[in-house]
């Protein structure tokens, strides 16, 4: 049976290799999924990651969709620095948008 153990120190190499391995495993998993459904995985990755950066419309949509996430992340970072955990940011954002829209 596996148990979680807190490490006293973290290797410098682990700070970079673990996220890179996680990203690599995720990409491999996505490639396999696209192959299983009969789609070109390279085209899918291009459409998801590269195509939005190639046009003014794509960049504007990227900014429109990223702005709320950035604002949520900034708000959460203040709480995390204060030692307070908040896992309801998405719901708070949604309720705030609903009430903000209703107030107009």
PDB file of N, CA and C in Angstrom:
ATOM      1  N   UNK A   1       0.844  -1.182   0.000  1.00  0.00           N
ATOM      2  CA  UNK A   1       0.000   0.000   0.000  1.00  0.00           C
ATOM      3  C   UNK A   1       0.885   1.239   0.000  1.00  0.00           C
ATOM      4  N   UNK A   2       0.458   2.234  -0.721  1.00  0.00           N
ATOM      5  CA  UNK A   2       1.211   3.478  -0.797  1.00  0.00           C
ATOM      6  C   UNK A   2       0.767   4.431   0.306  1.00  0.00           C
ATOM      7  N   UNK A   3       1.716   5.166   0.832  1.00  0.00           N
ATOM      8  CA  UNK A   3       1.403   6.205   1.810  1.00  0.00           C
ATOM      9  C   UNK A   3       2.082   7.497   1.381  1.00  0.00           C
ATOM     10  N   UNK A   4       1.459   8.598   1.714  1.00  0.00           N
ATOM     11  CA  UNK A   4       2.032   9.904   1.412  1.00  0.00           C
ATOM     12  C   UNK A   4       2.960  10.317   2.540  1.00  0.00           C
ATOM     13  N   UNK A   5       4.143  10.749   2.171  1.00  0.00           N
ATOM     14  CA  UNK A   5       5.107  11.208   3.157  1.00  0.00           C
ATOM     15  C   UNK A   5       5.620  12.573   2.740  1.00  0.00           C
ATOM     16  N   UNK A   6       5.607  13.502   3.683  1.00  0.00           N
ATOM     17  CA  UNK A   6       6.086  14.842   3.395  1.00  0.00           C
ATOM     18  C   UNK A   6       7.607  14.839   3.403  1.00  0.00           C
ATOM     19  N   UNK A   7       8.185  15.442   2.367  1.00  0.00           N
ATOM     20  CA  UNK A   7       9.639  15.532   2.292  1.00  0.00           C
ATOM     21  C   UNK A   7      10.108  16.789   3.016  1.00  0.00           C
ATOM     22  N   UNK A   8      11.243  16.669   3.680  1.00  0.00           N
ATOM     23  CA  UNK A   8      11.807  17.831   4.360  1.00  0.00           C
ATOM     24  C   UNK A   8      12.388  18.819   3.361  1.00  0.00           C
ATOM     25  N   UNK A   9      13.056  18.296   2.339  1.00  0.00           N
ATOM     26  CA  UNK A   9      13.627  19.157   1.303  1.00  0.00           C
ATOM     27  C   UNK A   9      13.224  18.617  -0.064  1.00  0.00           C
ATOM     28  N   UNK A  10      13.175  19.510  -1.020  1.00  0.00           N
ATOM     29  CA  UNK A  10      12.823  19.137  -2.387  1.00  0.00           C
ATOM     30  C   UNK A  10      14.037  19.369  -3.272  1.00  0.00           C
ATOM     31  N   UNK A  11      14.368  18.381  -4.096  1.00  0.00           N
ATOM     32  CA  UNK A  11      15.495  18.522  -5.016  1.00  0.00           C
ATOM     33  C   UNK A  11      15.214  19.631  -6.019  1.00  0.00           C
ATOM     34  N   UNK A  12      16.241  20.350  -6.405  1.00  0.00           N
ATOM     35  CA  UNK A  12      16.100  21.387  -7.428  1.00  0.00           C
ATOM     36  C   UNK A  12      15.679  20.772  -8.754  1.00  0.00           C
ATOM     37  N   UNK A  13      16.186  19.593  -9.054  1.00  0.00           N
ATOM     38  CA  UNK A  13      15.818  18.953 -10.319  1.00  0.00           C
ATOM     39  C   UNK A  13      14.340  18.557 -10.332  1.00  0.00           C
ATOM     40  N   UNK A  14      13.787  18.206  -9.172  1.00  0.00           N
ATOM     41  CA  UNK A  14      12.377  17.820  -9.099  1.00  0.00           C
ATOM     42  C   UNK A  14      11.449  18.991  -9.383  1.00  0.00           C
ATOM     43  N   UNK A  15      11.903  20.198  -9.067  1.00  0.00           N
ATOM     44  CA  UNK A  15      11.070  21.372  -9.314  1.00  0.00           C
ATOM     45  C   UNK A  15      10.774  21.555 -10.794  1.00  0.00           C
ATOM     46  N   UNK A  16      11.664  21.095 -11.653  1.00  0.00           N
ATOM     47  CA  UNK A  16      11.494  21.264 -13.092  1.00  0.00           C
ATOM     48  C   UNK A  16      11.064  19.974 -13.785  1.00  0.00           C
ATOM     49  N   UNK A  17      11.594  18.844 -13.330  1.00  0.00           N
ATOM     50  CA  UNK A  17      11.303  17.593 -14.030  1.00  0.00           C
ATOM     51  C   UNK A  17       9.885  17.087 -13.783  1.00  0.00           C
ATOM     52  N   UNK A  18       9.380  17.221 -12.574  1.00  0.00           N
ATOM     53  CA  UNK A  18       8.045  16.698 -12.271  1.00  0.00           C
ATOM     54  C   UNK A  18       6.967  17.408 -13.099  1.00  0.00           C
ATOM     55  N   UNK A  19       6.942  18.750 -13.175  1.00  0.00           N
ATOM     56  CA  UNK A  19       5.938  19.380 -14.052  1.00  0.00           C
ATOM     57  C   UNK A  19       6.117  19.022 -15.522  1.00  0.00           C
ATOM     58  N   UNK A  20       7.357  18.909 -15.985  1.00  0.00           N
ATOM     59  CA  UNK A  20       7.584  18.546 -17.382  1.00  0.00           C
ATOM     60  C   UNK A  20       7.112  17.127 -17.675  1.00  0.00           C
ATOM     61  N   UNK A  21       7.342  16.216 -16.746  1.00  0.00           N
ATOM     62  CA  UNK A  21       6.861  14.841 -16.911  1.00  0.00           C
ATOM     63  C   UNK A  21       5.331  14.815 -16.917  1.00  0.00           C
ATOM     64  N   UNK A  22       4.699  15.612 -16.047  1.00  0.00           N
ATOM     65  CA  UNK A  22       3.232  15.668 -16.005  1.00  0.00           C
ATOM     66  C   UNK A  22       2.668  16.199 -17.318  1.00  0.00           C
ATOM     67  N   UNK A  23       3.273  17.245 -17.866  1.00  0.00           N
ATOM     68  CA  UNK A  23       2.819  17.801 -19.142  1.00  0.00           C
ATOM     69  C   UNK A  23       3.023  16.783 -20.259  1.00  0.00           C
ATOM     70  N   UNK A  24       4.170  16.118 -20.255  1.00  0.00           N
ATOM     71  CA  UNK A  24       4.445  15.105 -21.271  1.00  0.00           C
ATOM     72  C   UNK A  24       3.460  13.948 -21.215  1.00  0.00           C
ATOM     73  N   UNK A  25       3.172  13.460 -20.009  1.00  0.00           N
ATOM     74  CA  UNK A  25       2.201  12.364 -19.869  1.00  0.00           C
ATOM     75  C   UNK A  25       0.810  12.805 -20.322  1.00  0.00           C
ATOM     76  N   UNK A  26       0.440  14.046 -20.014  1.00  0.00           N
ATOM     77  CA  UNK A  26      -0.861  14.561 -20.447  1.00  0.00           C
ATOM     78  C   UNK A  26      -0.946  14.627 -21.963  1.00  0.00           C
ATOM     79  N   UNK A  27       0.110  15.111 -22.611  1.00  0.00           N
ATOM     80  CA  UNK A  27       0.109  15.191 -24.070  1.00  0.00           C
ATOM     81  C   UNK A  27       0.046  13.808 -24.708  1.00  0.00           C
ATOM     82  N   UNK A  28       0.763  12.851 -24.142  1.00  0.00           N
ATOM     83  CA  UNK A  28       0.713  11.480 -24.659  1.00  0.00           C
ATOM     84  C   UNK A  28      -0.700  10.917 -24.519  1.00  0.00           C
ATOM     85  N   UNK A  29      -1.328  11.157 -23.375  1.00  0.00           N
ATOM     86  CA  UNK A  29      -2.692  10.691 -23.147  1.00  0.00           C
ATOM     87  C   UNK A  29      -3.662  11.320 -24.149  1.00  0.00           C
ATOM     88  N   UNK A  30      -3.508  12.622 -24.395  1.00  0.00           N
ATOM     89  CA  UNK A  30      -4.370  13.315 -25.362  1.00  0.00           C
ATOM     90  C   UNK A  30      -4.153  12.764 -26.769  1.00  0.00           C
ATOM     91  N   UNK A  31      -2.896  12.531 -27.134  1.00  0.00           N
ATOM     92  CA  UNK A  31      -2.600  11.953 -28.451  1.00  0.00           C
ATOM     93  C   UNK A  31      -3.297  10.607 -28.610  1.00  0.00           C
ATOM     94  N   UNK A  32      -3.214   9.764 -27.586  1.00  0.00           N
ATOM     95  CA  UNK A  32      -3.843   8.443 -27.646  1.00  0.00           C
ATOM     96  C   UNK A  32      -5.359   8.575 -27.776  1.00  0.00           C
ATOM     97  N   UNK A  33      -5.954   9.506 -27.013  1.00  0.00           N
ATOM     98  CA  UNK A  33      -7.400   9.698 -27.109  1.00  0.00           C
ATOM     99  C   UNK A  33      -7.823  10.130 -28.506  1.00  0.00           C
ATOM    100  N   UNK A  34      -7.092  11.081 -29.091  1.00  0.00           N
ATOM    101  CA  UNK A  34      -7.438  11.530 -30.437  1.00  0.00           C
ATOM    102  C   UNK A  34      -7.248  10.416 -31.462  1.00  0.00           C
ATOM    103  N   UNK A  35      -6.223   9.601 -31.289  1.00  0.00           N
ATOM    104  CA  UNK A  35      -6.041   8.472 -32.199  1.00  0.00           C
ATOM    105  C   UNK A  35      -7.181   7.465 -32.070  1.00  0.00           C
ATOM    106  N   UNK A  36      -7.646   7.240 -30.833  1.00  0.00           N
ATOM    107  CA  UNK A  36      -8.733   6.286 -30.616  1.00  0.00           C
ATOM    108  C   UNK A  36     -10.043   6.737 -31.251  1.00  0.00           C
ATOM    109  N   UNK A  37     -10.276   8.046 -31.305  1.00  0.00           N
ATOM    110  CA  UNK A  37     -11.518   8.522 -31.925  1.00  0.00           C
ATOM    111  C   UNK A  37     -11.339   8.800 -33.409  1.00  0.00           C
ATOM    112  N   UNK A  38     -10.150   8.519 -33.934  1.00  0.00           N
ATOM    113  CA  UNK A  38      -9.928   8.620 -35.365  1.00  0.00           C
ATOM    114  C   UNK A  38      -9.621  10.013 -35.876  1.00  0.00           C
ATOM    115  N   UNK A  39      -9.113  10.880 -35.016  1.00  0.00           N
ATOM    116  CA  UNK A  39      -8.769  12.246 -35.425  1.00  0.00           C
ATOM    117  C   UNK A  39      -7.259  12.419 -35.413  1.00  0.00           C
ATOM    118  N   UNK A  40      -6.780  13.385 -36.178  1.00  0.00           N
ATOM    119  CA  UNK A  40      -5.355  13.677 -36.243  1.00  0.00           C
ATOM    120  C   UNK A  40      -4.938  14.443 -34.981  1.00  0.00           C
ATOM    121  N   UNK A  41      -4.119  13.847 -34.111  1.00  0.00           N
ATOM    122  CA  UNK A  41      -3.747  14.533 -32.871  1.00  0.00           C
ATOM    123  C   UNK A  41      -2.893  15.777 -33.110  1.00  0.00           C
ATOM    124  N   UNK A  42      -2.073  15.777 -34.156  1.00  0.00           N
ATOM    125  CA  UNK A  42      -1.240  16.950 -34.427  1.00  0.00           C
ATOM    126  C   UNK A  42      -2.093  18.139 -34.855  1.00  0.00           C
ATOM    127  N   UNK A  43      -3.120  17.872 -35.653  1.00  0.00           N
ATOM    128  CA  UNK A  43      -4.034  18.937 -36.065  1.00  0.00           C
ATOM    129  C   UNK A  43      -4.805  19.474 -34.861  1.00  0.00           C
ATOM    130  N   UNK A  44      -5.225  18.581 -33.975  1.00  0.00           N
ATOM    131  CA  UNK A  44      -5.969  19.006 -32.786  1.00  0.00           C
ATOM    132  C   UNK A  44      -5.109  19.885 -31.888  1.00  0.00           C
ATOM    133  N   UNK A  45      -3.865  19.480 -31.651  1.00  0.00           N
ATOM    134  CA  UNK A  45      -2.965  20.281 -30.821  1.00  0.00           C
ATOM    135  C   UNK A  45      -2.703  21.628 -31.480  1.00  0.00           C
ATOM    136  N   UNK A  46      -2.564  21.642 -32.804  1.00  0.00           N
ATOM    137  CA  UNK A  46      -2.364  22.902 -33.528  1.00  0.00           C
ATOM    138  C   UNK A  46      -3.575  23.815 -33.351  1.00  0.00           C
ATOM    139  N   UNK A  47      -4.776  23.259 -33.504  1.00  0.00           N
ATOM    140  CA  UNK A  47      -5.992  24.064 -33.385  1.00  0.00           C
ATOM    141  C   UNK A  47      -6.166  24.595 -31.965  1.00  0.00           C
ATOM    142  N   UNK A  48      -5.828  23.798 -30.975  1.00  0.00           N
ATOM    143  CA  UNK A  48      -6.029  24.208 -29.586  1.00  0.00           C
ATOM    144  C   UNK A  48      -4.985  25.230 -29.137  1.00  0.00           C
ATOM    145  N   UNK A  49      -3.711  24.999 -29.447  1.00  0.00           N
ATOM    146  CA  UNK A  49      -2.643  25.817 -28.873  1.00  0.00           C
ATOM    147  C   UNK A  49      -2.086  26.889 -29.802  1.00  0.00           C
ATOM    148  N   UNK A  50      -2.030  26.645 -31.092  1.00  0.00           N
ATOM    149  CA  UNK A  50      -1.344  27.563 -32.009  1.00  0.00           C
ATOM    150  C   UNK A  50      -2.310  28.484 -32.748  1.00  0.00           C
ATOM    151  N   UNK A  51      -3.397  27.941 -33.258  1.00  0.00           N
ATOM    152  CA  UNK A  51      -4.304  28.721 -34.098  1.00  0.00           C
ATOM    153  C   UNK A  51      -4.850  29.989 -33.430  1.00  0.00           C
ATOM    154  N   UNK A  52      -5.166  29.976 -32.123  1.00  0.00           N
ATOM    155  CA  UNK A  52      -5.655  31.220 -31.514  1.00  0.00           C
ATOM    156  C   UNK A  52      -4.636  32.360 -31.544  1.00  0.00           C
ATOM    157  N   UNK A  53      -3.370  32.051 -31.708  1.00  0.00           N
ATOM    158  CA  UNK A  53      -2.330  33.081 -31.709  1.00  0.00           C
ATOM    159  C   UNK A  53      -2.053  33.639 -33.097  1.00  0.00           C
ATOM    160  N   UNK A  54      -2.709  33.120 -34.124  1.00  0.00           N
ATOM    161  CA  UNK A  54      -2.380  33.487 -35.494  1.00  0.00           C
ATOM    162  C   UNK A  54      -3.262  34.574 -36.089  1.00  0.00           C
ATOM    163  N   UNK A  55      -4.310  34.994 -35.391  1.00  0.00           N
ATOM    164  CA  UNK A  55      -5.180  36.035 -35.935  1.00  0.00           C
ATOM    165  C   UNK A  55      -5.536  37.032 -34.839  1.00  0.00           C
ATOM    166  N   UNK A  56      -5.946  38.204 -35.257  1.00  0.00           N
ATOM    167  CA  UNK A  56      -6.353  39.234 -34.300  1.00  0.00           C
ATOM    168  C   UNK A  56      -7.598  38.782 -33.546  1.00  0.00           C
ATOM    169  N   UNK A  57      -8.540  38.170 -34.259  1.00  0.00           N
ATOM    170  CA  UNK A  57      -9.750  37.667 -33.607  1.00  0.00           C
ATOM    171  C   UNK A  57      -9.405  36.598 -32.568  1.00  0.00           C
ATOM    172  N   UNK A  58      -8.502  35.688 -32.923  1.00  0.00           N
ATOM    173  CA  UNK A  58      -8.102  34.641 -31.989  1.00  0.00           C
ATOM    174  C   UNK A  58      -7.443  35.203 -30.746  1.00  0.00           C
ATOM    175  N   UNK A  59      -6.572  36.198 -30.930  1.00  0.00           N
ATOM    176  CA  UNK A  59      -5.923  36.833 -29.780  1.00  0.00           C
ATOM    177  C   UNK A  59      -6.932  37.555 -28.900  1.00  0.00           C
ATOM    178  N   UNK A  60      -7.885  38.256 -29.526  1.00  0.00           N
ATOM    179  CA  UNK A  60      -8.882  38.971 -28.728  1.00  0.00           C
ATOM    180  C   UNK A  60      -9.751  37.993 -27.941  1.00  0.00           C
ATOM    181  N   UNK A  61     -10.125  36.884 -28.545  1.00  0.00           N
ATOM    182  CA  UNK A  61     -10.910  35.879 -27.830  1.00  0.00           C
ATOM    183  C   UNK A  61     -10.100  35.237 -26.705  1.00  0.00           C
ATOM    184  N   UNK A  62      -8.829  35.032 -26.939  1.00  0.00           N
ATOM    185  CA  UNK A  62      -7.952  34.485 -25.908  1.00  0.00           C
ATOM    186  C   UNK A  62      -7.892  35.418 -24.708  1.00  0.00           C
ATOM    187  N   UNK A  63      -7.770  36.709 -24.968  1.00  0.00           N
ATOM    188  CA  UNK A  63      -7.718  37.696 -23.888  1.00  0.00           C
ATOM    189  C   UNK A  63      -9.054  37.759 -23.156  1.00  0.00           C
ATOM    190  N   UNK A  64     -10.158  37.716 -23.902  1.00  0.00           N
ATOM    191  CA  UNK A  64     -11.489  37.761 -23.286  1.00  0.00           C
ATOM    192  C   UNK A  64     -11.692  36.572 -22.355  1.00  0.00           C
ATOM    193  N   UNK A  65     -11.242  35.407 -22.767  1.00  0.00           N
ATOM    194  CA  UNK A  65     -11.443  34.208 -21.952  1.00  0.00           C
ATOM    195  C   UNK A  65     -10.422  34.094 -20.819  1.00  0.00           C
ATOM    196  N   UNK A  66      -9.242  34.686 -20.990  1.00  0.00           N
ATOM    197  CA  UNK A  66      -8.204  34.584 -19.968  1.00  0.00           C
ATOM    198  C   UNK A  66      -8.375  35.610 -18.855  1.00  0.00           C
ATOM    199  N   UNK A  67      -8.989  36.749 -19.144  1.00  0.00           N
ATOM    200  CA  UNK A  67      -9.095  37.819 -18.155  1.00  0.00           C
ATOM    201  C   UNK A  67      -9.795  37.382 -16.871  1.00  0.00           C
ATOM    202  N   UNK A  68     -10.965  36.737 -16.921  1.00  0.00           N
ATOM    203  CA  UNK A  68     -11.582  36.301 -15.663  1.00  0.00           C
ATOM    204  C   UNK A  68     -10.721  35.302 -14.892  1.00  0.00           C
ATOM    205  N   UNK A  69     -10.044  34.419 -15.611  1.00  0.00           N
ATOM    206  CA  UNK A  69      -9.187  33.443 -14.931  1.00  0.00           C
ATOM    207  C   UNK A  69      -8.015  34.125 -14.240  1.00  0.00           C
ATOM    208  N   UNK A  70      -7.459  35.149 -14.871  1.00  0.00           N
ATOM    209  CA  UNK A  70      -6.351  35.890 -14.271  1.00  0.00           C
ATOM    210  C   UNK A  70      -6.829  36.635 -13.030  1.00  0.00           C
ATOM    211  N   UNK A  71      -8.006  37.257 -13.108  1.00  0.00           N
ATOM    212  CA  UNK A  71      -8.549  37.977 -11.956  1.00  0.00           C
ATOM    213  C   UNK A  71      -8.820  37.011 -10.804  1.00  0.00           C
ATOM    214  N   UNK A  72      -9.384  35.841 -11.104  1.00  0.00           N
ATOM    215  CA  UNK A  72      -9.624  34.833 -10.069  1.00  0.00           C
ATOM    216  C   UNK A  72      -8.303  34.392  -9.443  1.00  0.00           C
ATOM    217  N   UNK A  73      -7.287  34.157 -10.270  1.00  0.00           N
ATOM    218  CA  UNK A  73      -5.985  33.719  -9.753  1.00  0.00           C
ATOM    219  C   UNK A  73      -5.361  34.782  -8.858  1.00  0.00           C
ATOM    220  N   UNK A  74      -5.483  36.044  -9.246  1.00  0.00           N
ATOM    221  CA  UNK A  74      -4.943  37.117  -8.409  1.00  0.00           C
ATOM    222  C   UNK A  74      -5.660  37.176  -7.066  1.00  0.00           C
ATOM    223  N   UNK A  75      -6.972  37.031  -7.087  1.00  0.00           N
ATOM    224  CA  UNK A  75      -7.726  37.031  -5.838  1.00  0.00           C
ATOM    225  C   UNK A  75      -7.375  35.849  -4.953  1.00  0.00           C
ATOM    226  N   UNK A  76      -7.221  34.683  -5.554  1.00  0.00           N
ATOM    227  CA  UNK A  76      -6.857  33.500  -4.771  1.00  0.00           C
ATOM    228  C   UNK A  76      -5.449  33.600  -4.207  1.00  0.00           C
ATOM    229  N   UNK A  77      -4.551  34.236  -4.951  1.00  0.00           N
ATOM    230  CA  UNK A  77      -3.168  34.340  -4.473  1.00  0.00           C
ATOM    231  C   UNK A  77      -3.085  35.156  -3.190  1.00  0.00           C
ATOM    232  N   UNK A  78      -3.937  36.156  -3.055  1.00  0.00           N
ATOM    233  CA  UNK A  78      -3.948  36.947  -1.815  1.00  0.00           C
ATOM    234  C   UNK A  78      -4.361  36.065  -0.646  1.00  0.00           C
ATOM    235  N   UNK A  79      -5.403  35.270  -0.844  1.00  0.00           N
ATOM    236  CA  UNK A  79      -5.843  34.369   0.218  1.00  0.00           C
ATOM    237  C   UNK A  79      -4.811  33.311   0.555  1.00  0.00           C
ATOM    238  N   UNK A  80      -4.170  32.748  -0.447  1.00  0.00           N
ATOM    239  CA  UNK A  80      -3.155  31.730  -0.195  1.00  0.00           C
ATOM    240  C   UNK A  80      -1.975  32.315   0.567  1.00  0.00           C
ATOM    241  N   UNK A  81      -1.580  33.539   0.219  1.00  0.00           N
ATOM    242  CA  UNK A  81      -0.472  34.186   0.939  1.00  0.00           C
ATOM    243  C   UNK A  81      -0.848  34.451   2.395  1.00  0.00           C
ATOM    244  N   UNK A  82      -2.138  34.683   2.642  1.00  0.00           N
ATOM    245  CA  UNK A  82      -2.609  34.920   4.004  1.00  0.00           C
ATOM    246  C   UNK A  82      -2.839  33.617   4.762  1.00  0.00           C
ATOM    247  N   UNK A  83      -2.715  32.491   4.074  1.00  0.00           N
ATOM    248  CA  UNK A  83      -2.903  31.200   4.724  1.00  0.00           C
ATOM    249  C   UNK A  83      -4.352  30.746   4.759  1.00  0.00           C
ATOM    250  N   UNK A  84      -5.191  31.357   3.941  1.00  0.00           N
ATOM    251  CA  UNK A  84      -6.607  31.007   3.893  1.00  0.00           C
ATOM    252  C   UNK A  84      -6.874  30.265   2.589  1.00  0.00           C
ATOM    253  N   UNK A  85      -7.516  29.099   2.687  1.00  0.00           N
ATOM    254  CA  UNK A  85      -7.828  28.315   1.493  1.00  0.00           C
ATOM    255  C   UNK A  85      -9.227  28.659   1.027  1.00  0.00           C
ATOM    256  N   UNK A  86      -9.371  28.815  -0.273  1.00  0.00           N
ATOM    257  CA  UNK A  86     -10.661  29.124  -0.866  1.00  0.00           C
ATOM    258  C   UNK A  86     -10.786  28.292  -2.136  1.00  0.00           C
ATOM    259  N   UNK A  87     -11.714  27.341  -2.126  1.00  0.00           N
ATOM    260  CA  UNK A  87     -11.862  26.479  -3.301  1.00  0.00           C
ATOM    261  C   UNK A  87     -13.115  26.815  -4.092  1.00  0.00           C
ATOM    262  N   UNK A  88     -13.785  27.914  -3.744  1.00  0.00           N
ATOM    263  CA  UNK A  88     -15.038  28.243  -4.408  1.00  0.00           C
ATOM    264  C   UNK A  88     -14.955  29.417  -5.355  1.00  0.00           C
ATOM    265  N   UNK A  89     -13.785  29.681  -5.917  1.00  0.00           N
ATOM    266  CA  UNK A  89     -13.602  30.884  -6.732  1.00  0.00           C
ATOM    267  C   UNK A  89     -14.456  30.864  -7.989  1.00  0.00           C
ATOM    268  N   UNK A  90     -14.603  29.720  -8.621  1.00  0.00           N
ATOM    269  CA  UNK A  90     -15.390  29.661  -9.856  1.00  0.00           C
ATOM    270  C   UNK A  90     -16.861  29.965  -9.576  1.00  0.00           C
ATOM    271  N   UNK A  91     -17.384  29.405  -8.512  1.00  0.00           N
ATOM    272  CA  UNK A  91     -18.774  29.685  -8.145  1.00  0.00           C
ATOM    273  C   UNK A  91     -18.975  31.133  -7.745  1.00  0.00           C
ATOM    274  N   UNK A  92     -18.016  31.689  -7.021  1.00  0.00           N
ATOM    275  CA  UNK A  92     -18.101  33.093  -6.641  1.00  0.00           C
ATOM    276  C   UNK A  92     -18.076  33.985  -7.870  1.00  0.00           C
ATOM    277  N   UNK A  93     -17.256  33.645  -8.835  1.00  0.00           N
ATOM    278  CA  UNK A  93     -17.195  34.416 -10.077  1.00  0.00           C
ATOM    279  C   UNK A  93     -18.531  34.341 -10.816  1.00  0.00           C
ATOM    280  N   UNK A  94     -19.105  33.147 -10.876  1.00  0.00           N
ATOM    281  CA  UNK A  94     -20.379  32.970 -11.580  1.00  0.00           C
ATOM    282  C   UNK A  94     -21.500  33.751 -10.903  1.00  0.00           C
ATOM    283  N   UNK A  95     -21.598  33.645  -9.589  1.00  0.00           N
ATOM    284  CA  UNK A  95     -22.637  34.381  -8.857  1.00  0.00           C
ATOM    285  C   UNK A  95     -22.416  35.883  -8.994  1.00  0.00           C
ATOM    286  N   UNK A  96     -21.167  36.330  -8.928  1.00  0.00           N
ATOM    287  CA  UNK A  96     -20.872  37.751  -9.116  1.00  0.00           C
ATOM    288  C   UNK A  96     -21.277  38.236 -10.495  1.00  0.00           C
ATOM    289  N   UNK A  97     -21.043  37.417 -11.510  1.00  0.00           N
ATOM    290  CA  UNK A  97     -21.444  37.791 -12.873  1.00  0.00           C
ATOM    291  C   UNK A  97     -22.960  37.849 -12.992  1.00  0.00           C
ATOM    292  N   UNK A  98     -23.654  36.896 -12.374  1.00  0.00           N
ATOM    293  CA  UNK A  98     -25.118  36.903 -12.427  1.00  0.00           C
ATOM    294  C   UNK A  98     -25.695  38.140 -11.747  1.00  0.00           C
ATOM    295  N   UNK A  99     -25.214  38.436 -10.542  1.00  0.00           N
ATOM    296  CA  UNK A  99     -25.729  39.599  -9.832  1.00  0.00           C
ATOM    297  C   UNK A  99     -25.291  40.903 -10.490  1.00  0.00           C
ATOM    298  N   UNK A 100     -24.082  40.924 -11.049  1.00  0.00           N
ATOM    299  CA  UNK A 100     -23.637  42.109 -11.783  1.00  0.00           C
ATOM    300  C   UNK A 100     -24.487  42.353 -13.015  1.00  0.00           C
ATOM    301  N   UNK A 101     -24.836  41.287 -13.712  1.00  0.00           N
ATOM    302  CA  UNK A 101     -25.714  41.418 -14.876  1.00  0.00           C
ATOM    303  C   UNK A 101     -27.120  41.819 -14.480  1.00  0.00           C
ATOM    304  N   UNK A 102     -27.598  41.319 -13.341  1.00  0.00           N
ATOM    305  CA  UNK A 102     -28.941  41.670 -12.881  1.00  0.00           C
ATOM    306  C   UNK A 102     -29.009  43.122 -12.423  1.00  0.00           C
ATOM    307  N   UNK A 103     -27.901  43.647 -11.916  1.00  0.00           N
ATOM    308  CA  UNK A 103     -27.886  45.028 -11.429  1.00  0.00           C
ATOM    309  C   UNK A 103     -27.929  46.031 -12.567  1.00  0.00           C
ATOM    310  N   UNK A 104     -27.520  45.600 -13.744  1.00  0.00           N
ATOM    311  CA  UNK A 104     -27.513  46.525 -14.887  1.00  0.00           C
ATOM    312  C   UNK A 104     -28.891  46.639 -15.366  1.00  0.00           C
TER     313      UNK A 104
END
